[in-house]
Amino acid sequence: MHPHFFGTFARLAAGVLMFLITNKEKTMNRSITLGLAMLAGGAIGATAVSALQAQGKAPGAYAVVDISAITNADVFKNVVAKAGPAMQDSGGHFIARTDKITNIDGVPPARFVIIAFDSVAQAQAWDKSAPQQEVDTLRKQSTTSRSFIVEGMAN
């Protein structure tokens, strides 16, 4: 055997070994990067699902105001002005508050209001609050109407 054979063979073996170590490190780095990306994706996905579930939670109760007729428009303007703040102070939010009603069957109301609350107890507290009592007094003076609370459906 030629004396340079062992030297060449040693250099070749060292080169192959370095190649394997470098590729192994690259493979490990790729694996770590892929694993971290998967973890980040999972965390983002879990956050998005939680947000969507929170959005999809149905209200526990609705307050409904069915106004058949407005009998005193001047007083009713005060109802419109005061009802929003009274409702917001109690944690509710309007689902519908309109006089744009399409008739399907029977006589439609002149105006219809639906307010969502987290629970029946929260809706009852709104109804008994001083600001809402003032709104109700004005509503009864200026309309032919009725109001009631209905329980929401679970998802």
Protein backbone atom coordinates (compact mmCIF):
# COMPACT_ATOMS: atom_id res chain seq x y z
CA MET A 1 0.00 0.00 0.00
CA HIS A 2 1.09 3.43 -0.77
CA PRO A 3 2.08 5.53 2.29
CA HIS A 4 -0.23 8.34 1.30
CA PHE A 5 -3.16 5.93 1.21
CA PHE A 6 -3.67 6.03 4.98
CA GLY A 7 -3.33 9.80 5.07
CA THR A 8 -5.82 10.21 2.25
CA PHE A 9 -8.10 7.66 3.82
CA ALA A 10 -7.91 9.48 7.18
CA ARG A 11 -8.73 12.81 5.53
CA LEU A 12 -11.62 11.22 3.64
CA ALA A 13 -12.94 9.58 6.82
CA ALA A 14 -12.62 12.87 8.70
CA GLY A 15 -14.48 14.65 5.88
CA VAL A 16 -17.31 12.10 5.91
CA LEU A 17 -17.49 12.32 9.69
CA MET A 18 -17.72 16.14 9.55
CA PHE A 19 -20.36 15.89 6.83
CA LEU A 20 -22.42 13.51 8.95
CA ILE A 21 -22.06 15.64 12.09
CA THR A 22 -22.94 18.85 10.20
CA ASN A 23 -25.96 17.22 8.57
CA LYS A 24 -27.01 15.71 11.88
CA GLU A 25 -26.86 19.18 13.47
CA LYS A 26 -28.84 20.65 10.55
CA THR A 27 -31.37 17.84 10.88
CA MET A 28 -31.60 18.45 14.62
CA ASN A 29 -31.97 22.20 14.05
CA ARG A 30 -34.69 21.53 11.47
CA SER A 31 -36.42 19.17 13.90
CA ILE A 32 -36.23 21.70 16.72
CA THR A 33 -37.47 24.49 14.43
CA LEU A 34 -40.33 22.33 13.18
CA GLY A 35 -41.24 21.34 16.75
CA LEU A 36 -41.25 24.97 17.90
CA ALA A 37 -43.36 25.98 14.90
CA MET A 38 -45.85 23.22 15.71
CA LEU A 39 -46.03 24.36 19.35
CA ALA A 40 -46.58 27.97 18.30
CA GLY A 41 -49.26 26.91 15.81
CA GLY A 42 -50.99 24.85 18.49
CA ALA A 43 -50.95 27.78 20.91
CA ILE A 44 -52.36 30.15 18.28
CA GLY A 45 -55.03 27.61 17.36
CA ALA A 46 -56.05 27.09 20.98
CA THR A 47 -56.33 30.85 21.49
CA ALA A 48 -58.47 31.21 18.37
CA VAL A 49 -60.79 28.38 19.44
CA SER A 50 -61.21 29.94 22.89
CA ALA A 51 -62.05 33.30 21.34
CA LEU A 52 -64.59 31.73 18.99
CA GLN A 53 -66.22 29.81 21.82
CA ALA A 54 -66.49 32.99 23.89
CA GLN A 55 -68.12 34.74 20.95
CA GLY A 56 -70.54 31.87 20.45
CA LYS A 57 -71.86 31.91 24.02
CA ALA A 58 -75.57 32.67 23.87
CA PRO A 59 -77.00 35.26 26.26
CA GLY A 60 -78.72 33.79 29.30
CA ALA A 61 -81.74 36.08 29.01
CA TYR A 62 -83.43 38.64 26.81
CA ALA A 63 -85.58 41.60 27.78
CA VAL A 64 -88.25 42.24 25.16
CA VAL A 65 -90.20 45.47 24.74
CA ASP A 66 -93.14 45.26 22.34
CA ILE A 67 -94.52 48.73 21.54
CA SER A 68 -97.87 48.51 19.77
CA ALA A 69 -98.37 52.27 19.46
CA ILE A 70 -96.62 55.50 20.37
CA THR A 71 -99.28 57.70 21.96
CA ASN A 72 -97.13 60.71 22.91
CA ALA A 73 -94.13 61.27 20.61
CA ASP A 74 -92.68 64.12 22.69
CA VAL A 75 -92.47 62.02 25.87
CA PHE A 76 -91.31 58.99 23.87
CA LYS A 77 -88.19 60.93 22.72
CA ASN A 78 -87.08 60.86 26.37
CA VAL A 79 -87.56 57.08 26.44
CA VAL A 80 -85.26 56.70 23.42
CA ALA A 81 -82.64 59.03 24.95
CA LYS A 82 -82.59 57.38 28.41
CA ALA A 83 -83.07 53.70 27.55
CA GLY A 84 -79.57 53.11 26.15
CA PRO A 85 -77.63 54.40 29.17
CA ALA A 86 -79.98 52.58 31.57
CA MET A 87 -79.41 49.31 29.71
CA GLN A 88 -75.62 49.72 29.39
CA ASP A 89 -75.22 50.49 33.09
CA SER A 90 -76.77 47.09 33.83
CA GLY A 91 -74.52 45.11 31.45
CA GLY A 92 -76.99 44.50 28.65
CA HIS A 93 -76.64 45.14 24.94
CA PHE A 94 -79.18 45.75 22.20
CA ILE A 95 -79.90 42.90 19.82
CA ALA A 96 -82.70 44.82 18.08
CA ARG A 97 -84.07 48.32 18.60
CA THR A 98 -86.12 49.25 15.58
CA ASP A 99 -89.32 50.38 13.95
CA LYS A 100 -88.35 48.65 10.67
CA ILE A 101 -90.49 45.55 11.01
CA THR A 102 -91.66 43.30 8.18
CA ASN A 103 -95.06 41.76 8.78
CA ILE A 104 -95.44 38.00 8.34
CA ASP A 105 -98.64 37.24 10.23
CA GLY A 106 -100.88 39.40 12.39
CA VAL A 107 -100.38 43.05 13.24
CA PRO A 108 -96.71 43.94 13.77
CA PRO A 109 -95.72 46.27 16.61
CA ALA A 110 -94.81 49.91 15.88
CA ARG A 111 -91.43 49.36 17.54
CA PHE A 112 -89.61 46.34 18.95
CA VAL A 113 -86.65 46.09 21.32
CA ILE A 114 -84.58 43.05 22.33
CA ILE A 115 -81.83 43.43 24.95
CA ALA A 116 -79.42 40.59 25.75
CA PHE A 117 -78.17 39.89 29.28
CA ASP A 118 -75.85 37.23 30.70
CA SER A 119 -78.57 35.88 33.00
CA VAL A 120 -82.19 36.24 34.04
CA ALA A 121 -80.99 37.69 37.35
CA GLN A 122 -79.00 40.37 35.49
CA ALA A 123 -82.08 41.22 33.38
CA GLN A 124 -84.23 41.44 36.51
CA ALA A 125 -81.67 43.73 38.18
CA TRP A 126 -81.79 45.98 35.08
CA ASP A 127 -85.60 46.05 35.24
CA LYS A 128 -85.53 47.05 38.94
CA SER A 129 -82.77 49.66 38.57
CA ALA A 130 -83.68 53.32 39.16
CA PRO A 131 -82.68 54.46 35.63
CA GLN A 132 -84.80 51.70 34.03
CA GLN A 133 -87.74 52.45 36.36
CA GLU A 134 -87.65 56.03 35.04
CA VAL A 135 -87.57 54.72 31.44
CA ASP A 136 -90.52 52.40 32.18
CA THR A 137 -92.57 55.26 33.66
CA LEU A 138 -91.97 57.38 30.56
CA ARG A 139 -92.65 54.39 28.25
CA LYS A 140 -95.98 53.69 29.96
CA GLN A 141 -96.93 57.39 29.66
CA SER A 142 -96.09 57.55 25.95
CA THR A 143 -96.92 54.12 24.48
CA THR A 144 -99.23 51.17 24.40
CA SER A 145 -96.67 48.47 25.14
CA ARG A 146 -95.56 45.49 27.15
CA SER A 147 -92.19 44.25 28.35
CA PHE A 148 -90.99 40.89 29.59
CA ILE A 149 -87.88 38.76 30.15
CA VAL A 150 -87.32 35.45 28.36
CA GLU A 151 -84.66 32.88 29.18
CA GLY A 152 -82.02 32.24 26.52
CA MET A 153 -81.19 28.84 25.06
CA ALA A 154 -77.92 27.06 25.77
CA ASN A 155 -75.69 26.40 22.75
